Amino acid sequence: MTCLFVQIRCRPGTAYTVADAISLREIHSELYSTSGDYDLLMKLYVPEGEDIGRYINDNLLDIDGIERTYTTQTFRAF
């Protein structure tokens, strides 16, 4: 499994709706509301062998209200 952190910027007034939609899809490990440039921070695990870009495209980016994302891939835990 590949651990990713995805920061999500939502259109104004849609952060709760976007968070609800993500929760219903059950693709995340953790989901937080954040301050700063992005509204939500999601931790998720992509199955081994899956194309990360396609996985995010197919499972996240079609949610209405998402304006932009920033994905950080992790490599190992210390």
N, C-alpha and C. Protein backbone atom coordinates (compact mmCIF):
# COMPACT_ATOMS: atom_id res chain seq x y z
N MET A 1 0.84 -1.18 0.00
CA MET A 1 0.00 0.00 0.00
C MET A 1 0.89 1.25 0.00
N THR A 2 0.47 2.25 -0.74
CA THR A 2 1.19 3.52 -0.77
C THR A 2 0.38 4.55 0.00
N CYS A 3 1.01 5.17 0.98
CA CYS A 3 0.35 6.19 1.79
C CYS A 3 0.48 7.55 1.11
N LEU A 4 -0.65 8.23 0.97
CA LEU A 4 -0.69 9.56 0.38
C LEU A 4 -1.38 10.52 1.33
N PHE A 5 -0.96 11.78 1.26
CA PHE A 5 -1.68 12.86 1.91
C PHE A 5 -2.17 13.78 0.80
N VAL A 6 -3.46 14.06 0.79
CA VAL A 6 -4.04 14.90 -0.24
C VAL A 6 -4.66 16.12 0.43
N GLN A 7 -4.16 17.30 0.07
CA GLN A 7 -4.76 18.54 0.54
C GLN A 7 -5.81 18.95 -0.50
N ILE A 8 -6.96 19.38 -0.02
CA ILE A 8 -8.08 19.66 -0.91
C ILE A 8 -8.57 21.08 -0.69
N ARG A 9 -8.59 21.85 -1.77
CA ARG A 9 -9.18 23.20 -1.73
C ARG A 9 -10.58 23.09 -2.32
N CYS A 10 -11.55 23.61 -1.57
CA CYS A 10 -12.95 23.54 -1.99
C CYS A 10 -13.45 24.91 -2.42
N ARG A 11 -14.45 24.91 -3.28
CA ARG A 11 -15.11 26.18 -3.59
C ARG A 11 -15.69 26.72 -2.29
N PRO A 12 -15.72 28.04 -2.14
CA PRO A 12 -16.26 28.63 -0.91
C PRO A 12 -17.63 28.06 -0.56
N GLY A 13 -17.76 27.67 0.70
CA GLY A 13 -19.03 27.17 1.21
C GLY A 13 -19.31 25.70 0.94
N THR A 14 -18.36 24.96 0.37
CA THR A 14 -18.63 23.56 0.03
C THR A 14 -17.79 22.55 0.82
N ALA A 15 -16.97 22.99 1.74
CA ALA A 15 -16.05 22.08 2.44
C ALA A 15 -16.80 20.96 3.17
N TYR A 16 -17.91 21.28 3.84
CA TYR A 16 -18.65 20.24 4.55
C TYR A 16 -19.29 19.25 3.59
N THR A 17 -19.80 19.74 2.49
CA THR A 17 -20.40 18.86 1.48
C THR A 17 -19.36 17.94 0.86
N VAL A 18 -18.19 18.50 0.56
CA VAL A 18 -17.09 17.70 0.00
C VAL A 18 -16.65 16.65 1.02
N ALA A 19 -16.49 17.03 2.27
CA ALA A 19 -16.08 16.09 3.32
C ALA A 19 -17.10 14.96 3.46
N ASP A 20 -18.38 15.29 3.40
CA ASP A 20 -19.43 14.26 3.48
C ASP A 20 -19.34 13.29 2.31
N ALA A 21 -19.11 13.83 1.10
CA ALA A 21 -19.00 12.98 -0.08
C ALA A 21 -17.79 12.05 0.00
N ILE A 22 -16.67 12.56 0.51
CA ILE A 22 -15.48 11.72 0.68
C ILE A 22 -15.77 10.62 1.69
N SER A 23 -16.41 10.98 2.80
CA SER A 23 -16.72 10.00 3.84
C SER A 23 -17.59 8.87 3.31
N LEU A 24 -18.55 9.20 2.48
CA LEU A 24 -19.44 8.18 1.91
C LEU A 24 -18.71 7.21 1.00
N ARG A 25 -17.64 7.65 0.36
CA ARG A 25 -16.87 6.79 -0.54
C ARG A 25 -15.93 5.84 0.20
N GLU A 26 -15.65 6.15 1.45
CA GLU A 26 -14.80 5.31 2.30
C GLU A 26 -13.45 4.99 1.66
N ILE A 27 -12.82 6.00 1.05
CA ILE A 27 -11.50 5.81 0.45
C ILE A 27 -10.38 6.31 1.34
N HIS A 28 -10.72 6.98 2.42
CA HIS A 28 -9.71 7.63 3.25
C HIS A 28 -9.44 6.85 4.53
N SER A 29 -8.26 7.09 5.07
CA SER A 29 -7.91 6.58 6.39
C SER A 29 -8.26 7.62 7.45
N GLU A 30 -7.94 8.88 7.14
CA GLU A 30 -8.23 10.01 8.03
C GLU A 30 -8.61 11.21 7.17
N LEU A 31 -9.46 12.08 7.71
CA LEU A 31 -9.89 13.28 7.00
C LEU A 31 -10.04 14.40 8.02
N TYR A 32 -9.38 15.51 7.75
CA TYR A 32 -9.37 16.65 8.68
C TYR A 32 -9.76 17.94 7.98
N SER A 33 -10.37 18.83 8.71
CA SER A 33 -10.56 20.21 8.28
C SER A 33 -9.30 20.96 8.68
N THR A 34 -8.78 21.81 7.80
CA THR A 34 -7.53 22.52 8.08
C THR A 34 -7.67 24.01 7.80
N SER A 35 -6.73 24.76 8.33
CA SER A 35 -6.66 26.19 8.02
C SER A 35 -5.57 26.39 6.98
N GLY A 36 -5.56 27.55 6.36
CA GLY A 36 -4.53 27.84 5.37
C GLY A 36 -5.06 27.80 3.96
N ASP A 37 -4.19 27.46 3.01
CA ASP A 37 -4.54 27.48 1.60
C ASP A 37 -5.51 26.38 1.19
N TYR A 38 -5.56 25.30 1.96
CA TYR A 38 -6.44 24.17 1.64
C TYR A 38 -7.42 23.97 2.78
N ASP A 39 -8.58 23.41 2.46
CA ASP A 39 -9.67 23.26 3.42
C ASP A 39 -9.68 21.92 4.13
N LEU A 40 -9.23 20.87 3.43
CA LEU A 40 -9.27 19.52 3.98
C LEU A 40 -7.92 18.84 3.78
N LEU A 41 -7.61 17.93 4.67
CA LEU A 41 -6.41 17.10 4.55
C LEU A 41 -6.86 15.65 4.70
N MET A 42 -6.56 14.86 3.67
CA MET A 42 -6.99 13.46 3.66
C MET A 42 -5.76 12.56 3.61
N LYS A 43 -5.76 11.54 4.44
CA LYS A 43 -4.74 10.50 4.39
C LYS A 43 -5.41 9.27 3.80
N LEU A 44 -4.78 8.69 2.80
CA LEU A 44 -5.34 7.49 2.21
C LEU A 44 -4.24 6.54 1.79
N TYR A 45 -4.62 5.30 1.59
CA TYR A 45 -3.70 4.26 1.14
C TYR A 45 -4.17 3.75 -0.21
N VAL A 46 -3.29 3.80 -1.19
CA VAL A 46 -3.59 3.30 -2.52
C VAL A 46 -3.04 1.88 -2.61
N PRO A 47 -3.87 0.94 -3.08
CA PRO A 47 -3.40 -0.44 -3.19
C PRO A 47 -2.14 -0.56 -4.06
N GLU A 48 -1.28 -1.50 -3.69
CA GLU A 48 -0.05 -1.75 -4.43
C GLU A 48 -0.36 -2.06 -5.89
N GLY A 49 0.40 -1.45 -6.78
CA GLY A 49 0.22 -1.69 -8.20
C GLY A 49 -0.77 -0.77 -8.88
N GLU A 50 -1.56 -0.03 -8.11
CA GLU A 50 -2.52 0.93 -8.68
C GLU A 50 -1.79 2.17 -9.17
N ASP A 51 -2.24 2.74 -10.26
CA ASP A 51 -1.72 4.01 -10.74
C ASP A 51 -2.29 5.11 -9.84
N ILE A 52 -1.42 5.84 -9.15
CA ILE A 52 -1.86 6.82 -8.17
C ILE A 52 -2.70 7.93 -8.80
N GLY A 53 -2.25 8.46 -9.92
CA GLY A 53 -3.00 9.52 -10.58
C GLY A 53 -4.39 9.07 -11.00
N ARG A 54 -4.47 7.89 -11.58
CA ARG A 54 -5.77 7.36 -12.00
C ARG A 54 -6.66 7.09 -10.79
N TYR A 55 -6.08 6.56 -9.71
CA TYR A 55 -6.85 6.26 -8.49
C TYR A 55 -7.49 7.55 -7.94
N ILE A 56 -6.70 8.62 -7.88
CA ILE A 56 -7.22 9.89 -7.36
C ILE A 56 -8.26 10.46 -8.33
N ASN A 57 -7.97 10.39 -9.61
CA ASN A 57 -8.93 10.87 -10.62
C ASN A 57 -10.26 10.14 -10.49
N ASP A 58 -10.21 8.82 -10.43
CA ASP A 58 -11.42 8.01 -10.45
C ASP A 58 -12.19 8.03 -9.14
N ASN A 59 -11.50 8.25 -8.01
CA ASN A 59 -12.16 8.13 -6.71
C ASN A 59 -12.38 9.43 -5.95
N LEU A 60 -11.76 10.52 -6.42
CA LEU A 60 -11.84 11.77 -5.65
C LEU A 60 -12.24 12.97 -6.49
N LEU A 61 -11.60 13.15 -7.62
CA LEU A 61 -11.70 14.43 -8.33
C LEU A 61 -13.03 14.69 -9.02
N ASP A 62 -13.92 13.71 -9.03
CA ASP A 62 -15.24 13.95 -9.61
C ASP A 62 -16.24 14.46 -8.58
N ILE A 63 -15.79 14.71 -7.36
CA ILE A 63 -16.68 15.25 -6.32
C ILE A 63 -16.89 16.74 -6.56
N ASP A 64 -18.15 17.13 -6.66
CA ASP A 64 -18.49 18.53 -6.89
C ASP A 64 -18.04 19.38 -5.71
N GLY A 65 -17.40 20.48 -5.99
CA GLY A 65 -16.94 21.39 -4.95
C GLY A 65 -15.44 21.40 -4.79
N ILE A 66 -14.76 20.37 -5.30
CA ILE A 66 -13.30 20.34 -5.23
C ILE A 66 -12.75 21.26 -6.31
N GLU A 67 -11.95 22.21 -5.86
CA GLU A 67 -11.37 23.19 -6.77
C GLU A 67 -9.95 22.83 -7.18
N ARG A 68 -9.19 22.28 -6.21
CA ARG A 68 -7.77 21.97 -6.46
C ARG A 68 -7.30 20.98 -5.40
N THR A 69 -6.32 20.15 -5.77
CA THR A 69 -5.71 19.25 -4.79
C THR A 69 -4.19 19.33 -4.87
N TYR A 70 -3.56 18.93 -3.80
CA TYR A 70 -2.10 18.85 -3.73
C TYR A 70 -1.77 17.53 -3.04
N THR A 71 -1.12 16.63 -3.76
CA THR A 71 -0.87 15.28 -3.25
C THR A 71 0.59 15.11 -2.88
N THR A 72 0.83 14.54 -1.71
CA THR A 72 2.17 14.21 -1.25
C THR A 72 2.25 12.71 -1.07
N GLN A 73 3.17 12.08 -1.79
CA GLN A 73 3.37 10.64 -1.68
C GLN A 73 4.43 10.37 -0.63
N THR A 74 4.20 9.36 0.19
CA THR A 74 5.19 8.98 1.20
C THR A 74 5.94 7.74 0.72
N PHE A 75 7.13 7.53 1.27
CA PHE A 75 7.94 6.41 0.83
C PHE A 75 8.26 5.42 1.94
N ARG A 76 8.51 5.89 3.16
CA ARG A 76 8.74 4.97 4.27
C ARG A 76 8.56 5.70 5.60
N ALA A 77 8.22 4.95 6.62
CA ALA A 77 8.04 5.53 7.95
C ALA A 77 9.33 5.36 8.76
N PHE A 78 9.62 6.34 9.60
CA PHE A 78 10.80 6.27 10.46
C PHE A 78 10.39 6.05 11.89
